[in-house]
Amino acid sequence: MARANLSTEAVVDLAVGLIDAGGPEDLTLAKVAKAAGVSSPSLYKHVENLVELRSLVSARVAGELAEAVRTAAVGRSGEDAIRACMHAWRDYARAHPRRYAALIQRPEPRTGKAAQSLLESVFAVLRGLDLAEDELVHATRCVRAAVHGFAVLESGGGFGLPEDVDESFAIMVETVVAGVRARA
């Protein structure tokens, strides 16, 4: 990448590529600079520091995940939409395990808009069940915790027993759907 083409978005693109190749722990400003063909100080025109870059990567991942969840739910409603949302979430994490691992889980200013977009996507799916507003928050937390926990365990090799992992995921999805339905 030529120096003239360097922008914040281009720096994030390079960072995501490095994460996809080596994992979030492999991300350094020196490696991004090398991939960009510039010196490390040149990056400071586009990102404040590594913390900001990690936040920008997380925002990118949250936005991609929100889009995957939204797309999966289009044309679906109720329980079918919840299932589609959970499958899309897992599919994203499986397709991009290292990128998904870079997703910052706690609220923070730099990732707020993208994280809110993801939450709104899940809220929209759950609103189809006529849940009260406070129940939407609880149900969203349950969906997020279940699918995120499963995805992290799966990508980390945490399911070593011989039973089919896809079947376990299907059982978990139906358990969450039944729980949300019971609260509606």
Protein backbone atom coordinates (compact mmCIF):
# COMPACT_ATOMS: atom_id res chain seq x y z
CA MET A 1 0.00 0.00 0.00
CA ALA A 2 1.42 3.33 -1.02
CA ARG A 3 1.74 6.01 1.63
CA ALA A 4 -0.66 8.30 -0.28
CA ASN A 5 -3.42 5.69 0.06
CA LEU A 6 -3.07 5.38 3.82
CA SER A 7 -6.15 6.38 5.80
CA THR A 8 -7.72 5.34 9.07
CA GLU A 9 -9.91 2.87 7.21
CA ALA A 10 -6.89 1.46 5.37
CA VAL A 11 -5.02 1.07 8.67
CA VAL A 12 -8.01 -0.82 10.11
CA ASP A 13 -8.11 -3.00 6.97
CA LEU A 14 -4.45 -3.90 7.49
CA ALA A 15 -5.03 -4.56 11.20
CA VAL A 16 -7.96 -6.86 10.44
CA GLY A 17 -5.81 -8.73 7.93
CA LEU A 18 -3.06 -9.19 10.50
CA ILE A 19 -5.58 -10.38 13.08
CA ASP A 20 -7.12 -12.82 10.60
CA ALA A 21 -3.64 -14.22 9.95
CA GLY A 22 -2.23 -14.34 13.47
CA GLY A 23 -4.92 -13.47 16.02
CA PRO A 24 -5.59 -10.32 18.06
CA GLU A 25 -2.52 -10.85 20.23
CA ASP A 26 -0.37 -10.60 17.11
CA LEU A 27 -1.48 -7.04 16.33
CA THR A 28 1.18 -4.35 16.79
CA LEU A 29 1.61 -0.92 15.26
CA ALA A 30 5.01 -1.99 13.94
CA LYS A 31 3.42 -4.88 12.02
CA VAL A 32 0.69 -2.62 10.62
CA ALA A 33 3.31 -0.07 9.56
CA LYS A 34 5.38 -2.78 7.88
CA ALA A 35 2.30 -4.07 6.03
CA ALA A 36 1.53 -0.50 4.94
CA GLY A 37 5.10 0.11 3.82
CA VAL A 38 5.52 3.08 6.14
CA SER A 39 7.33 3.82 9.37
CA SER A 40 5.43 3.38 12.63
CA PRO A 41 5.26 7.15 13.32
CA SER A 42 3.34 7.57 10.03
CA LEU A 43 0.46 5.60 11.53
CA TYR A 44 -0.10 8.25 14.19
CA LYS A 45 -1.65 10.49 11.54
CA HIS A 46 -4.45 7.93 11.31
CA VAL A 47 -4.71 6.28 14.73
CA GLU A 48 -3.78 7.62 18.14
CA ASN A 49 -2.27 4.38 19.45
CA LEU A 50 -2.73 0.61 19.58
CA VAL A 51 -5.65 0.92 22.01
CA GLU A 52 -7.53 3.09 19.53
CA LEU A 53 -6.68 0.73 16.68
CA ARG A 54 -8.01 -2.24 18.64
CA SER A 55 -11.20 -0.28 19.32
CA LEU A 56 -11.59 0.56 15.65
CA VAL A 57 -11.09 -3.08 14.71
CA SER A 58 -13.69 -4.08 17.29
CA ALA A 59 -16.12 -1.54 15.88
CA ARG A 60 -15.55 -2.99 12.41
CA VAL A 61 -16.20 -6.53 13.67
CA ALA A 62 -19.34 -5.47 15.57
CA GLY A 63 -20.63 -3.75 12.44
CA GLU A 64 -19.99 -6.83 10.30
CA LEU A 65 -21.67 -9.04 12.89
CA ALA A 66 -24.67 -6.69 13.14
CA GLU A 67 -25.05 -6.79 9.36
CA ALA A 68 -24.89 -10.60 9.36
CA VAL A 69 -27.56 -10.79 12.08
CA ARG A 70 -29.79 -8.23 10.32
CA THR A 71 -29.46 -9.97 6.97
CA ALA A 72 -30.29 -13.36 8.50
CA ALA A 73 -33.44 -11.98 10.13
CA VAL A 74 -34.81 -10.29 7.01
CA GLY A 75 -38.14 -11.82 6.04
CA ARG A 76 -38.37 -13.83 9.24
CA SER A 77 -40.26 -13.22 12.43
CA GLY A 78 -40.67 -14.51 15.94
CA GLU A 79 -38.88 -17.69 16.88
CA ASP A 80 -37.64 -18.29 13.34
CA ALA A 81 -35.92 -14.89 13.42
CA ILE A 82 -34.24 -15.72 16.75
CA ARG A 83 -32.93 -18.99 15.32
CA ALA A 84 -31.65 -17.24 12.20
CA CYS A 85 -29.97 -14.54 14.31
CA MET A 86 -28.19 -17.08 16.50
CA HIS A 87 -27.06 -19.16 13.53
CA ALA A 88 -25.77 -16.07 11.73
CA TRP A 89 -23.84 -15.03 14.84
CA ARG A 90 -22.22 -18.45 15.14
CA ASP A 91 -21.54 -18.60 11.40
CA TYR A 92 -19.74 -15.25 11.56
CA ALA A 93 -17.63 -16.37 14.53
CA ARG A 94 -16.78 -19.64 12.76
CA ALA A 95 -15.87 -17.89 9.51
CA HIS A 96 -13.71 -15.28 11.29
CA PRO A 97 -12.60 -16.81 14.61
CA ARG A 98 -9.57 -14.57 15.13
CA ARG A 99 -11.43 -11.45 14.06
CA TYR A 100 -14.32 -12.40 16.35
CA ALA A 101 -11.84 -12.80 19.22
CA ALA A 102 -10.84 -9.14 18.68
CA LEU A 103 -14.38 -8.00 19.50
CA ILE A 104 -14.29 -5.93 22.69
CA GLN A 105 -17.15 -7.13 24.88
CA ARG A 106 -17.47 -4.20 27.25
CA PRO A 107 -19.12 -0.92 26.27
CA GLU A 108 -16.65 1.79 25.37
CA PRO A 109 -16.91 5.08 23.46
CA ARG A 110 -15.06 4.10 20.29
CA THR A 111 -17.12 0.96 19.72
CA GLY A 112 -20.44 2.29 21.00
CA LYS A 113 -22.17 2.95 17.69
CA ALA A 114 -21.28 -0.42 16.17
CA ALA A 115 -22.10 -2.31 19.38
CA GLN A 116 -25.43 -0.47 19.59
CA SER A 117 -26.14 -1.50 16.00
CA LEU A 118 -25.60 -5.13 16.95
CA LEU A 119 -27.85 -4.82 20.01
CA GLU A 120 -30.53 -3.08 17.95
CA SER A 121 -30.41 -5.94 15.45
CA VAL A 122 -31.14 -8.43 18.22
CA PHE A 123 -33.75 -6.13 19.79
CA ALA A 124 -35.53 -5.93 16.43
CA VAL A 125 -35.65 -9.71 16.19
CA LEU A 126 -37.01 -10.05 19.71
CA ARG A 127 -39.58 -7.27 19.37
CA GLY A 128 -41.48 -9.66 17.12
CA LEU A 129 -42.40 -11.62 20.24
CA ASP A 130 -44.15 -8.66 21.91
CA LEU A 131 -41.75 -8.56 24.85
CA ALA A 132 -41.88 -5.63 27.25
CA GLU A 133 -38.95 -3.24 26.88
CA ASP A 134 -37.15 -4.50 30.00
CA GLU A 135 -37.73 -8.09 28.87
CA LEU A 136 -36.06 -7.20 25.56
CA VAL A 137 -32.89 -6.34 27.45
CA HIS A 138 -32.95 -9.60 29.41
CA ALA A 139 -33.72 -11.70 26.33
CA THR A 140 -31.00 -9.96 24.32
CA ARG A 141 -28.48 -10.66 27.07
CA CYS A 142 -29.50 -14.32 27.08
CA VAL A 143 -29.19 -14.66 23.29
CA ARG A 144 -25.85 -12.86 23.29
CA ALA A 145 -24.42 -14.80 26.22
CA ALA A 146 -25.50 -18.15 24.81
CA VAL A 147 -24.26 -17.71 21.27
CA HIS A 148 -21.11 -15.82 22.25
CA GLY A 149 -20.18 -18.39 24.88
CA PHE A 150 -20.77 -21.23 22.46
CA ALA A 151 -18.77 -19.53 19.71
CA VAL A 152 -15.82 -18.81 22.00
CA LEU A 153 -15.77 -22.36 23.35
CA GLU A 154 -16.08 -23.80 19.87
CA SER A 155 -13.32 -21.68 18.34
CA GLY A 156 -11.06 -22.45 21.28
CA GLY A 157 -11.49 -26.20 20.87
CA GLY A 158 -13.55 -26.44 24.05
CA PHE A 159 -15.87 -29.18 22.81
CA GLY A 160 -13.73 -32.32 22.89
CA LEU A 161 -16.41 -34.93 23.49
CA PRO A 162 -17.51 -37.02 20.50
CA GLU A 163 -21.15 -35.83 20.39
CA ASP A 164 -22.03 -33.67 17.39
CA VAL A 165 -21.32 -29.98 18.08
CA ASP A 166 -23.96 -28.84 15.57
CA GLU A 167 -26.55 -30.86 17.46
CA SER A 168 -25.44 -29.26 20.72
CA PHE A 169 -25.81 -25.83 19.11
CA ALA A 170 -29.30 -26.71 17.84
CA ILE A 171 -30.30 -27.83 21.34
CA MET A 172 -28.94 -24.60 22.83
CA VAL A 173 -30.81 -22.49 20.27
CA GLU A 174 -34.08 -24.30 21.01
CA THR A 175 -33.47 -23.91 24.75
CA VAL A 176 -32.96 -20.15 24.35
CA VAL A 177 -36.00 -19.85 22.05
CA ALA A 178 -38.16 -21.74 24.56
CA GLY A 179 -36.90 -19.52 27.38
CA VAL A 180 -37.62 -16.33 25.47
CA ARG A 181 -41.04 -17.65 24.42
CA ALA A 182 -41.86 -18.40 28.08
CA ARG A 183 -41.10 -14.78 28.99
CA ALA A 184 -43.29 -13.36 26.21
